[in-house]
């Protein structure tokens, strides 16, 4: 099985910074728990492009582009559905490994 996931990014083409976790960006988690710290080290994605399009239009500070990522099971990127929104998935991998899975970039 493979995953098709989407992420809002700021640049086209996306850069390494577009795929950094909050932890890698040096942001501190409030009230850190082991569960929160795991999520803090992941990169947020969604399995619905249209949902992200609406989100990006409401929050232009997040970015102007949506990337499509194709992620294979058993590869170097771990995927986990997280949070109360069933469409939300965190992914774990190096920014370079994630960037290598970008197959499309589109303007919001």
PDB file of N, CA and C in Angstrom:
ATOM      1  N   UNK A   1       0.845  -1.185   0.000  1.00  0.00           N
ATOM      2  CA  UNK A   1       0.000   0.000   0.000  1.00  0.00           C
ATOM      3  C   UNK A   1       0.888   1.244   0.000  1.00  0.00           C
ATOM      4  N   UNK A   2       0.402   2.270  -0.616  1.00  0.00           N
ATOM      5  CA  UNK A   2       1.103   3.551  -0.546  1.00  0.00           C
ATOM      6  C   UNK A   2       0.103   4.617  -0.114  1.00  0.00           C
ATOM      7  N   UNK A   3       0.627   5.714   0.326  1.00  0.00           N
ATOM      8  CA  UNK A   3      -0.169   6.835   0.815  1.00  0.00           C
ATOM      9  C   UNK A   3      -0.060   7.993  -0.156  1.00  0.00           C
ATOM     10  N   UNK A   4      -1.178   8.660  -0.425  1.00  0.00           N
ATOM     11  CA  UNK A   4      -1.177   9.943  -1.106  1.00  0.00           C
ATOM     12  C   UNK A   4      -1.599  10.962  -0.060  1.00  0.00           C
ATOM     13  N   UNK A   5      -0.669  11.830   0.297  1.00  0.00           N
ATOM     14  CA  UNK A   5      -0.905  12.827   1.338  1.00  0.00           C
ATOM     15  C   UNK A   5      -0.580  14.209   0.792  1.00  0.00           C
ATOM     16  N   UNK A   6      -1.110  15.231   1.453  1.00  0.00           N
ATOM     17  CA  UNK A   6      -0.968  16.604   0.992  1.00  0.00           C
ATOM     18  C   UNK A   6      -0.485  17.472   2.145  1.00  0.00           C
ATOM     19  N   UNK A   7       0.299  18.496   1.782  1.00  0.00           N
ATOM     20  CA  UNK A   7       0.819  19.431   2.789  1.00  0.00           C
ATOM     21  C   UNK A   7       0.847  20.834   2.202  1.00  0.00           C
ATOM     22  N   UNK A   8       0.505  21.803   3.028  1.00  0.00           N
ATOM     23  CA  UNK A   8       0.622  23.213   2.634  1.00  0.00           C
ATOM     24  C   UNK A   8       2.087  23.603   2.786  1.00  0.00           C
ATOM     25  N   UNK A   9       2.628  24.262   1.773  1.00  0.00           N
ATOM     26  CA  UNK A   9       4.006  24.744   1.820  1.00  0.00           C
ATOM     27  C   UNK A   9       4.051  26.207   1.376  1.00  0.00           C
ATOM     28  N   UNK A  10       5.140  26.857   1.675  1.00  0.00           N
ATOM     29  CA  UNK A  10       5.260  28.287   1.383  1.00  0.00           C
ATOM     30  C   UNK A  10       5.878  28.586   0.036  1.00  0.00           C
ATOM     31  N   UNK A  11       6.629  27.641  -0.529  1.00  0.00           N
ATOM     32  CA  UNK A  11       7.364  27.959  -1.747  1.00  0.00           C
ATOM     33  C   UNK A  11       7.130  26.922  -2.844  1.00  0.00           C
ATOM     34  N   UNK A  12       7.308  27.366  -4.076  1.00  0.00           N
ATOM     35  CA  UNK A  12       7.286  26.477  -5.237  1.00  0.00           C
ATOM     36  C   UNK A  12       8.521  26.786  -6.071  1.00  0.00           C
ATOM     37  N   UNK A  13       9.488  25.878  -6.115  1.00  0.00           N
ATOM     38  CA  UNK A  13       9.439  24.544  -5.526  1.00  0.00           C
ATOM     39  C   UNK A  13       9.610  24.589  -4.010  1.00  0.00           C
ATOM     40  N   UNK A  14       9.095  23.558  -3.327  1.00  0.00           N
ATOM     41  CA  UNK A  14       9.252  23.531  -1.870  1.00  0.00           C
ATOM     42  C   UNK A  14      10.719  23.377  -1.482  1.00  0.00           C
ATOM     43  N   UNK A  15      11.033  23.859  -0.301  1.00  0.00           N
ATOM     44  CA  UNK A  15      12.395  23.750   0.212  1.00  0.00           C
ATOM     45  C   UNK A  15      12.407  22.853   1.445  1.00  0.00           C
ATOM     46  N   UNK A  16      13.571  22.573   1.913  1.00  0.00           N
ATOM     47  CA  UNK A  16      13.766  21.752   3.110  1.00  0.00           C
ATOM     48  C   UNK A  16      12.952  22.287   4.292  1.00  0.00           C
ATOM     49  N   UNK A  17      12.899  23.604   4.430  1.00  0.00           N
ATOM     50  CA  UNK A  17      12.194  24.238   5.553  1.00  0.00           C
ATOM     51  C   UNK A  17      10.704  23.885   5.546  1.00  0.00           C
ATOM     52  N   UNK A  18      10.126  23.674   4.358  1.00  0.00           N
ATOM     53  CA  UNK A  18       8.709  23.319   4.256  1.00  0.00           C
ATOM     54  C   UNK A  18       8.400  21.964   4.887  1.00  0.00           C
ATOM     55  N   UNK A  19       9.427  21.164   5.178  1.00  0.00           N
ATOM     56  CA  UNK A  19       9.223  19.815   5.700  1.00  0.00           C
ATOM     57  C   UNK A  19       9.887  19.595   7.046  1.00  0.00           C
ATOM     58  N   UNK A  20      10.062  20.688   7.802  1.00  0.00           N
ATOM     59  CA  UNK A  20      10.619  20.590   9.150  1.00  0.00           C
ATOM     60  C   UNK A  20       9.490  20.482  10.171  1.00  0.00           C
ATOM     61  N   UNK A  21       9.692  19.639  11.168  1.00  0.00           N
ATOM     62  CA  UNK A  21       8.735  19.512  12.267  1.00  0.00           C
ATOM     63  C   UNK A  21       8.860  20.724  13.186  1.00  0.00           C
ATOM     64  N   UNK A  22       7.890  20.869  14.082  1.00  0.00           N
ATOM     65  CA  UNK A  22       7.998  21.933  15.091  1.00  0.00           C
ATOM     66  C   UNK A  22       9.268  21.747  15.917  1.00  0.00           C
ATOM     67  N   UNK A  23       9.571  20.498  16.237  1.00  0.00           N
ATOM     68  CA  UNK A  23      10.786  20.212  17.011  1.00  0.00           C
ATOM     69  C   UNK A  23      12.033  20.682  16.252  1.00  0.00           C
ATOM     70  N   UNK A  24      12.115  20.339  14.967  1.00  0.00           N
ATOM     71  CA  UNK A  24      13.279  20.722  14.166  1.00  0.00           C
ATOM     72  C   UNK A  24      13.372  22.231  13.986  1.00  0.00           C
ATOM     73  N   UNK A  25      12.229  22.909  14.040  1.00  0.00           N
ATOM     74  CA  UNK A  25      12.216  24.370  13.945  1.00  0.00           C
ATOM     75  C   UNK A  25      12.618  25.034  15.259  1.00  0.00           C
ATOM     76  N   UNK A  26      12.777  24.228  16.305  1.00  0.00           N
ATOM     77  CA  UNK A  26      13.193  24.764  17.602  1.00  0.00           C
ATOM     78  C   UNK A  26      12.051  25.320  18.432  1.00  0.00           C
ATOM     79  N   UNK A  27      10.816  25.003  18.059  1.00  0.00           N
ATOM     80  CA  UNK A  27       9.658  25.466  18.826  1.00  0.00           C
ATOM     81  C   UNK A  27       9.439  24.535  20.016  1.00  0.00           C
ATOM     82  N   UNK A  28       9.149  25.106  21.149  1.00  0.00           N
ATOM     83  CA  UNK A  28       8.951  24.311  22.362  1.00  0.00           C
ATOM     84  C   UNK A  28       7.477  23.979  22.538  1.00  0.00           C
ATOM     85  N   UNK A  29       7.210  22.738  22.899  1.00  0.00           N
ATOM     86  CA  UNK A  29       5.838  22.295  23.151  1.00  0.00           C
ATOM     87  C   UNK A  29       5.427  22.729  24.551  1.00  0.00           C
ATOM     88  N   UNK A  30       4.191  23.204  24.660  1.00  0.00           N
ATOM     89  CA  UNK A  30       3.644  23.525  25.982  1.00  0.00           C
ATOM     90  C   UNK A  30       3.139  22.238  26.610  1.00  0.00           C
ATOM     91  N   UNK A  31       3.356  22.088  27.899  1.00  0.00           N
ATOM     92  CA  UNK A  31       2.895  20.908  28.632  1.00  0.00           C
ATOM     93  C   UNK A  31       3.273  19.615  27.900  1.00  0.00           C
ATOM     94  N   UNK A  32       4.563  19.416  27.658  1.00  0.00           N
ATOM     95  CA  UNK A  32       4.967  18.247  26.874  1.00  0.00           C
ATOM     96  C   UNK A  32       4.686  16.925  27.591  1.00  0.00           C
ATOM     97  N   UNK A  33       4.090  16.029  26.862  1.00  0.00           N
ATOM     98  CA  UNK A  33       3.900  14.647  27.292  1.00  0.00           C
ATOM     99  C   UNK A  33       4.640  13.792  26.260  1.00  0.00           C
ATOM    100  N   UNK A  34       4.895  12.540  26.555  1.00  0.00           N
ATOM    101  CA  UNK A  34       5.548  11.695  25.545  1.00  0.00           C
ATOM    102  C   UNK A  34       4.753  11.650  24.233  1.00  0.00           C
ATOM    103  N   UNK A  35       3.424  11.611  24.324  1.00  0.00           N
ATOM    104  CA  UNK A  35       2.590  11.574  23.127  1.00  0.00           C
ATOM    105  C   UNK A  35       2.715  12.875  22.323  1.00  0.00           C
ATOM    106  N   UNK A  36       2.674  13.995  23.021  1.00  0.00           N
ATOM    107  CA  UNK A  36       2.795  15.281  22.338  1.00  0.00           C
ATOM    108  C   UNK A  36       4.176  15.432  21.705  1.00  0.00           C
ATOM    109  N   UNK A  37       5.210  15.003  22.401  1.00  0.00           N
ATOM    110  CA  UNK A  37       6.562  15.120  21.855  1.00  0.00           C
ATOM    111  C   UNK A  37       6.739  14.260  20.603  1.00  0.00           C
ATOM    112  N   UNK A  38       6.065  13.113  20.562  1.00  0.00           N
ATOM    113  CA  UNK A  38       6.115  12.297  19.344  1.00  0.00           C
ATOM    114  C   UNK A  38       5.496  13.084  18.181  1.00  0.00           C
ATOM    115  N   UNK A  39       4.324  13.668  18.404  1.00  0.00           N
ATOM    116  CA  UNK A  39       3.665  14.442  17.349  1.00  0.00           C
ATOM    117  C   UNK A  39       4.481  15.671  16.976  1.00  0.00           C
ATOM    118  N   UNK A  40       5.108  16.291  17.940  1.00  0.00           N
ATOM    119  CA  UNK A  40       5.912  17.497  17.728  1.00  0.00           C
ATOM    120  C   UNK A  40       7.090  17.228  16.794  1.00  0.00           C
ATOM    121  N   UNK A  41       7.535  15.967  16.769  1.00  0.00           N
ATOM    122  CA  UNK A  41       8.674  15.611  15.921  1.00  0.00           C
ATOM    123  C   UNK A  41       8.238  15.166  14.522  1.00  0.00           C
ATOM    124  N   UNK A  42       6.921  15.109  14.282  1.00  0.00           N
ATOM    125  CA  UNK A  42       6.403  14.719  12.974  1.00  0.00           C
ATOM    126  C   UNK A  42       6.034  15.934  12.138  1.00  0.00           C
ATOM    127  N   UNK A  43       5.724  15.668  10.891  1.00  0.00           N
ATOM    128  CA  UNK A  43       5.317  16.705   9.933  1.00  0.00           C
ATOM    129  C   UNK A  43       3.851  16.461   9.590  1.00  0.00           C
ATOM    130  N   UNK A  44       3.054  17.493   9.696  1.00  0.00           N
ATOM    131  CA  UNK A  44       1.617  17.398   9.503  1.00  0.00           C
ATOM    132  C   UNK A  44       1.236  17.298   8.024  1.00  0.00           C
ATOM    133  N   UNK A  45       0.371  16.330   7.704  1.00  0.00           N
ATOM    134  CA  UNK A  45      -0.161  16.176   6.352  1.00  0.00           C
ATOM    135  C   UNK A  45      -1.632  15.783   6.465  1.00  0.00           C
ATOM    136  N   UNK A  46      -2.321  15.819   5.332  1.00  0.00           N
ATOM    137  CA  UNK A  46      -3.733  15.421   5.274  1.00  0.00           C
ATOM    138  C   UNK A  46      -3.947  14.529   4.064  1.00  0.00           C
ATOM    139  N   UNK A  47      -5.001  13.698   4.124  1.00  0.00           N
ATOM    140  CA  UNK A  47      -5.300  12.843   2.986  1.00  0.00           C
ATOM    141  C   UNK A  47      -6.362  13.451   2.065  1.00  0.00           C
ATOM    142  N   UNK A  48      -6.691  14.720   2.288  1.00  0.00           N
ATOM    143  CA  UNK A  48      -7.668  15.395   1.433  1.00  0.00           C
ATOM    144  C   UNK A  48      -7.147  16.727   0.915  1.00  0.00           C
ATOM    145  N   UNK A  49      -7.013  16.834  -0.373  1.00  0.00           N
ATOM    146  CA  UNK A  49      -6.502  18.067  -0.993  1.00  0.00           C
ATOM    147  C   UNK A  49      -7.486  19.225  -0.814  1.00  0.00           C
ATOM    148  N   UNK A  50      -8.778  18.967  -1.028  1.00  0.00           N
ATOM    149  CA  UNK A  50      -9.767  20.051  -0.941  1.00  0.00           C
ATOM    150  C   UNK A  50      -9.853  20.625   0.468  1.00  0.00           C
ATOM    151  N   UNK A  51      -9.757  19.758   1.481  1.00  0.00           N
ATOM    152  CA  UNK A  51      -9.746  20.228   2.861  1.00  0.00           C
ATOM    153  C   UNK A  51      -8.586  21.205   3.065  1.00  0.00           C
ATOM    154  N   UNK A  52      -7.423  20.869   2.545  1.00  0.00           N
ATOM    155  CA  UNK A  52      -6.252  21.736   2.702  1.00  0.00           C
ATOM    156  C   UNK A  52      -6.395  23.028   1.917  1.00  0.00           C
ATOM    157  N   UNK A  53      -7.017  22.952   0.767  1.00  0.00           N
ATOM    158  CA  UNK A  53      -7.230  24.162  -0.037  1.00  0.00           C
ATOM    159  C   UNK A  53      -8.049  25.190   0.765  1.00  0.00           C
ATOM    160  N   UNK A  54      -9.116  24.719   1.396  1.00  0.00           N
ATOM    161  CA  UNK A  54      -9.946  25.598   2.230  1.00  0.00           C
ATOM    162  C   UNK A  54      -9.131  26.133   3.407  1.00  0.00           C
ATOM    163  N   UNK A  55      -8.394  25.252   4.045  1.00  0.00           N
ATOM    164  CA  UNK A  55      -7.566  25.651   5.204  1.00  0.00           C
ATOM    165  C   UNK A  55      -6.533  26.698   4.799  1.00  0.00           C
ATOM    166  N   UNK A  56      -5.879  26.496   3.670  1.00  0.00           N
ATOM    167  CA  UNK A  56      -4.847  27.437   3.213  1.00  0.00           C
ATOM    168  C   UNK A  56      -5.455  28.796   2.868  1.00  0.00           C
ATOM    169  N   UNK A  57      -6.644  28.800   2.332  1.00  0.00           N
ATOM    170  CA  UNK A  57      -7.294  30.084   2.012  1.00  0.00           C
ATOM    171  C   UNK A  57      -7.678  30.842   3.274  1.00  0.00           C
ATOM    172  N   UNK A  58      -8.030  30.110   4.313  1.00  0.00           N
ATOM    173  CA  UNK A  58      -8.370  30.756   5.592  1.00  0.00           C
ATOM    174  C   UNK A  58      -7.125  31.192   6.359  1.00  0.00           C
ATOM    175  N   UNK A  59      -6.016  30.504   6.119  1.00  0.00           N
ATOM    176  CA  UNK A  59      -4.771  30.774   6.842  1.00  0.00           C
ATOM    177  C   UNK A  59      -3.624  30.972   5.866  1.00  0.00           C
ATOM    178  N   UNK A  60      -3.592  32.104   5.149  1.00  0.00           N
ATOM    179  CA  UNK A  60      -2.531  32.317   4.161  1.00  0.00           C
ATOM    180  C   UNK A  60      -1.131  32.317   4.765  1.00  0.00           C
ATOM    181  N   UNK A  61      -1.024  32.508   6.072  1.00  0.00           N
ATOM    182  CA  UNK A  61       0.289  32.465   6.718  1.00  0.00           C
ATOM    183  C   UNK A  61       0.907  31.066   6.662  1.00  0.00           C
ATOM    184  N   UNK A  62       0.094  30.044   6.425  1.00  0.00           N
ATOM    185  CA  UNK A  62       0.619  28.674   6.334  1.00  0.00           C
ATOM    186  C   UNK A  62       1.333  28.417   5.016  1.00  0.00           C
ATOM    187  N   UNK A  63       0.924  29.111   3.979  1.00  0.00           N
ATOM    188  CA  UNK A  63       1.552  28.930   2.680  1.00  0.00           C
ATOM    189  C   UNK A  63       0.552  29.078   1.547  1.00  0.00           C
ATOM    190  N   UNK A  64       1.082  29.192   0.318  1.00  0.00           N
ATOM    191  CA  UNK A  64       0.250  29.415  -0.867  1.00  0.00           C
ATOM    192  C   UNK A  64       0.170  28.210  -1.783  1.00  0.00           C
ATOM    193  N   UNK A  65       0.855  27.125  -1.415  1.00  0.00           N
ATOM    194  CA  UNK A  65       0.936  25.965  -2.300  1.00  0.00           C
ATOM    195  C   UNK A  65       0.579  24.694  -1.549  1.00  0.00           C
ATOM    196  N   UNK A  66       0.092  23.713  -2.297  1.00  0.00           N
ATOM    197  CA  UNK A  66      -0.173  22.389  -1.752  1.00  0.00           C
ATOM    198  C   UNK A  66       0.682  21.399  -2.528  1.00  0.00           C
ATOM    199  N   UNK A  67       1.434  20.597  -1.793  1.00  0.00           N
ATOM    200  CA  UNK A  67       2.219  19.549  -2.440  1.00  0.00           C
ATOM    201  C   UNK A  67       1.505  18.218  -2.273  1.00  0.00           C
ATOM    202  N   UNK A  68       1.654  17.383  -3.275  1.00  0.00           N
ATOM    203  CA  UNK A  68       1.177  16.003  -3.220  1.00  0.00           C
ATOM    204  C   UNK A  68       2.382  15.120  -2.957  1.00  0.00           C
ATOM    205  N   UNK A  69       2.254  14.267  -1.945  1.00  0.00           N
ATOM    206  CA  UNK A  69       3.321  13.350  -1.564  1.00  0.00           C
ATOM    207  C   UNK A  69       2.854  11.914  -1.805  1.00  0.00           C
ATOM    208  N   UNK A  70       3.678  11.112  -2.438  1.00  0.00           N
ATOM    209  CA  UNK A  70       3.421   9.674  -2.569  1.00  0.00           C
ATOM    210  C   UNK A  70       4.423   8.951  -1.679  1.00  0.00           C
ATOM    211  N   UNK A  71       3.891   8.268  -0.670  1.00  0.00           N
ATOM    212  CA  UNK A  71       4.744   7.632   0.331  1.00  0.00           C
ATOM    213  C   UNK A  71       4.443   6.133   0.342  1.00  0.00           C
ATOM    214  N   UNK A  72       5.460   5.344   0.134  1.00  0.00           N
ATOM    215  CA  UNK A  72       5.296   3.900   0.079  1.00  0.00           C
ATOM    216  C   UNK A  72       5.380   3.291   1.477  1.00  0.00           C
ATOM    217  N   UNK A  73       4.571   2.264   1.716  1.00  0.00           N
ATOM    218  CA  UNK A  73       4.672   1.498   2.960  1.00  0.00           C
ATOM    219  C   UNK A  73       6.018   0.792   3.005  1.00  0.00           C
ATOM    220  N   UNK A  74       6.568   0.687   4.194  1.00  0.00           N
ATOM    221  CA  UNK A  74       7.818  -0.030   4.364  1.00  0.00           C
ATOM    222  C   UNK A  74       9.042   0.768   3.973  1.00  0.00           C
ATOM    223  N   UNK A  75       8.843   2.014   3.569  1.00  0.00           N
ATOM    224  CA  UNK A  75       9.959   2.865   3.182  1.00  0.00           C
ATOM    225  C   UNK A  75      10.504   3.626   4.372  1.00  0.00           C
ATOM    226  N   UNK A  76      11.321   4.624   4.114  1.00  0.00           N
ATOM    227  CA  UNK A  76      11.976   5.355   5.197  1.00  0.00           C
ATOM    228  C   UNK A  76      11.089   6.385   5.901  1.00  0.00           C
ATOM    229  N   UNK A  77       9.853   6.563   5.440  1.00  0.00           N
ATOM    230  CA  UNK A  77       8.952   7.538   6.065  1.00  0.00           C
ATOM    231  C   UNK A  77       7.842   6.786   6.789  1.00  0.00           C
ATOM    232  N   UNK A  78       7.664   7.107   8.046  1.00  0.00           N
ATOM    233  CA  UNK A  78       6.599   6.499   8.855  1.00  0.00           C
ATOM    234  C   UNK A  78       5.369   7.395   8.784  1.00  0.00           C
ATOM    235  N   UNK A  79       4.189   6.793   8.643  1.00  0.00           N
ATOM    236  CA  UNK A  79       2.920   7.520   8.542  1.00  0.00           C
ATOM    237  C   UNK A  79       2.008   7.042   9.663  1.00  0.00           C
ATOM    238  N   UNK A  80       1.314   7.984  10.314  1.00  0.00           N
ATOM    239  CA  UNK A  80       0.372   7.619  11.381  1.00  0.00           C
ATOM    240  C   UNK A  80      -0.780   8.613  11.390  1.00  0.00           C
ATOM    241  N   UNK A  81      -2.006   8.103  11.377  1.00  0.00           N
ATOM    242  CA  UNK A  81      -3.178   8.967  11.519  1.00  0.00           C
ATOM    243  C   UNK A  81      -3.155   9.493  12.940  1.00  0.00           C
ATOM    244  N   UNK A  82      -3.279  10.818  13.092  1.00  0.00           N
ATOM    245  CA  UNK A  82      -3.177  11.437  14.410  1.00  0.00           C
ATOM    246  C   UNK A  82      -4.254  12.500  14.585  1.00  0.00           C
ATOM    247  N   UNK A  83      -4.588  12.773  15.812  1.00  0.00           N
ATOM    248  CA  UNK A  83      -5.523  13.842  16.116  1.00  0.00           C
ATOM    249  C   UNK A  83      -6.976  13.444  15.920  1.00  0.00           C
ATOM    250  N   UNK A  84      -7.852  14.380  16.214  1.00  0.00           N
ATOM    251  CA  UNK A  84      -9.286  14.122  16.131  1.00  0.00           C
ATOM    252  C   UNK A  84      -9.807  14.191  14.695  1.00  0.00           C
ATOM    253  N   UNK A  85      -9.082  14.858  13.812  1.00  0.00           N
ATOM    254  CA  UNK A  85      -9.465  14.920  12.406  1.00  0.00           C
ATOM    255  C   UNK A  85      -8.934  13.659  11.727  1.00  0.00           C
ATOM    256  N   UNK A  86      -9.821  12.772  11.315  1.00  0.00           N
ATOM    257  CA  UNK A  86      -9.425  11.476  10.739  1.00  0.00           C
ATOM    258  C   UNK A  86      -8.610  11.633   9.458  1.00  0.00           C
ATOM    259  N   UNK A  87      -8.647  12.806   8.854  1.00  0.00           N
ATOM    260  CA  UNK A  87      -7.899  13.040   7.619  1.00  0.00           C
ATOM    261  C   UNK A  87      -6.451  13.454   7.895  1.00  0.00           C
ATOM    262  N   UNK A  88      -6.136  13.759   9.146  1.00  0.00           N
ATOM    263  CA  UNK A  88      -4.804  14.236   9.517  1.00  0.00           C
ATOM    264  C   UNK A  88      -3.861  13.069   9.761  1.00  0.00           C
ATOM    265  N   UNK A  89      -2.657  13.184   9.193  1.00  0.00           N
ATOM    266  CA  UNK A  89      -1.611  12.178   9.388  1.00  0.00           C
ATOM    267  C   UNK A  89      -0.301  12.909   9.660  1.00  0.00           C
ATOM    268  N   UNK A  90       0.430  12.423  10.652  1.00  0.00           N
ATOM    269  CA  UNK A  90       1.795  12.904  10.840  1.00  0.00           C
ATOM    270  C   UNK A  90       2.717  11.943  10.118  1.00  0.00           C
ATOM    271  N   UNK A  91       3.812  12.487   9.601  1.00  0.00           N
ATOM    272  CA  UNK A  91       4.828  11.665   8.959  1.00  0.00           C
ATOM    273  C   UNK A  91       6.181  11.983   9.587  1.00  0.00           C
ATOM    274  N   UNK A  92       7.046  10.968   9.625  1.00  0.00           N
ATOM    275  CA  UNK A  92       8.374  11.119  10.196  1.00  0.00           C
ATOM    276  C   UNK A  92       9.400  10.663   9.174  1.00  0.00           C
ATOM    277  N   UNK A  93      10.342  11.519   8.905  1.00  0.00           N
ATOM    278  CA  UNK A  93      11.432  11.238   7.979  1.00  0.00           C
ATOM    279  C   UNK A  93      12.256  12.502   7.852  1.00  0.00           C
ATOM    280  N   UNK A  94      13.394  12.410   7.223  1.00  0.00           N
ATOM    281  CA  UNK A  94      14.202  13.615   7.037  1.00  0.00           C
ATOM    282  C   UNK A  94      13.513  14.523   6.025  1.00  0.00           C
ATOM    283  N   UNK A  95      13.742  15.822   6.117  1.00  0.00           N
ATOM    284  CA  UNK A  95      13.161  16.728   5.113  1.00  0.00           C
ATOM    285  C   UNK A  95      13.517  16.318   3.684  1.00  0.00           C
ATOM    286  N   UNK A  96      14.745  15.872   3.490  1.00  0.00           N
ATOM    287  CA  UNK A  96      15.176  15.475   2.147  1.00  0.00           C
ATOM    288  C   UNK A  96      14.422  14.238   1.658  1.00  0.00           C
ATOM    289  N   UNK A  97      14.202  13.292   2.552  1.00  0.00           N
ATOM    290  CA  UNK A  97      13.469  12.075   2.192  1.00  0.00           C
ATOM    291  C   UNK A  97      12.016  12.411   1.852  1.00  0.00           C
ATOM    292  N   UNK A  98      11.423  13.306   2.627  1.00  0.00           N
ATOM    293  CA  UNK A  98      10.046  13.714   2.349  1.00  0.00           C
ATOM    294  C   UNK A  98       9.986  14.482   1.030  1.00  0.00           C
ATOM    295  N   UNK A  99      10.913  15.416   0.820  1.00  0.00           N
ATOM    296  CA  UNK A  99      10.934  16.200  -0.438  1.00  0.00           C
ATOM    297  C   UNK A  99      11.026  15.297  -1.657  1.00  0.00           C
ATOM    298  N   UNK A 100      11.738  14.190  -1.530  1.00  0.00           N
ATOM    299  CA  UNK A 100      11.900  13.265  -2.657  1.00  0.00           C
ATOM    300  C   UNK A 100      10.581  12.598  -3.031  1.00  0.00           C
ATOM    301  N   UNK A 101       9.568  12.675  -2.167  1.00  0.00           N
ATOM    302  CA  UNK A 101       8.254  12.064  -2.457  1.00  0.00           C
ATOM    303  C   UNK A 101       7.256  13.071  -3.021  1.00  0.00           C
ATOM    304  N   UNK A 102       7.683  14.316  -3.239  1.00  0.00           N
ATOM    305  CA  UNK A 102       6.787  15.329  -3.831  1.00  0.00           C
ATOM    306  C   UNK A 102       6.598  14.987  -5.308  1.00  0.00           C
ATOM    307  N   UNK A 103       5.342  14.829  -5.713  1.00  0.00           N
ATOM    308  CA  UNK A 103       5.055  14.516  -7.112  1.00  0.00           C
ATOM    309  C   UNK A 103       4.306  15.646  -7.822  1.00  0.00           C
ATOM    310  N   UNK A 104       3.791  16.608  -7.042  1.00  0.00           N
ATOM    311  CA  UNK A 104       3.091  17.753  -7.646  1.00  0.00           C
ATOM    312  C   UNK A 104       3.061  18.907  -6.672  1.00  0.00           C
ATOM    313  N   UNK A 105       3.063  20.109  -7.222  1.00  0.00           N
ATOM    314  CA  UNK A 105       2.908  21.349  -6.443  1.00  0.00           C
ATOM    315  C   UNK A 105       1.858  22.167  -7.155  1.00  0.00           C
ATOM    316  N   UNK A 106       0.864  22.638  -6.410  1.00  0.00           N
ATOM    317  CA  UNK A 106      -0.170  23.464  -7.032  1.00  0.00           C
ATOM    318  C   UNK A 106      -0.457  24.688  -6.193  1.00  0.00           C
ATOM    319  N   UNK A 107      -0.816  25.747  -6.869  1.00  0.00           N
ATOM    320  CA  UNK A 107      -1.191  26.993  -6.216  1.00  0.00           C
ATOM    321  C   UNK A 107      -2.526  26.815  -5.525  1.00  0.00           C
ATOM    322  N   UNK A 108      -2.660  27.406  -4.346  1.00  0.00           N
ATOM    323  CA  UNK A 108      -3.925  27.344  -3.624  1.00  0.00           C
ATOM    324  C   UNK A 108      -4.956  28.155  -4.384  1.00  0.00           C
TER     325      UNK A 108
END
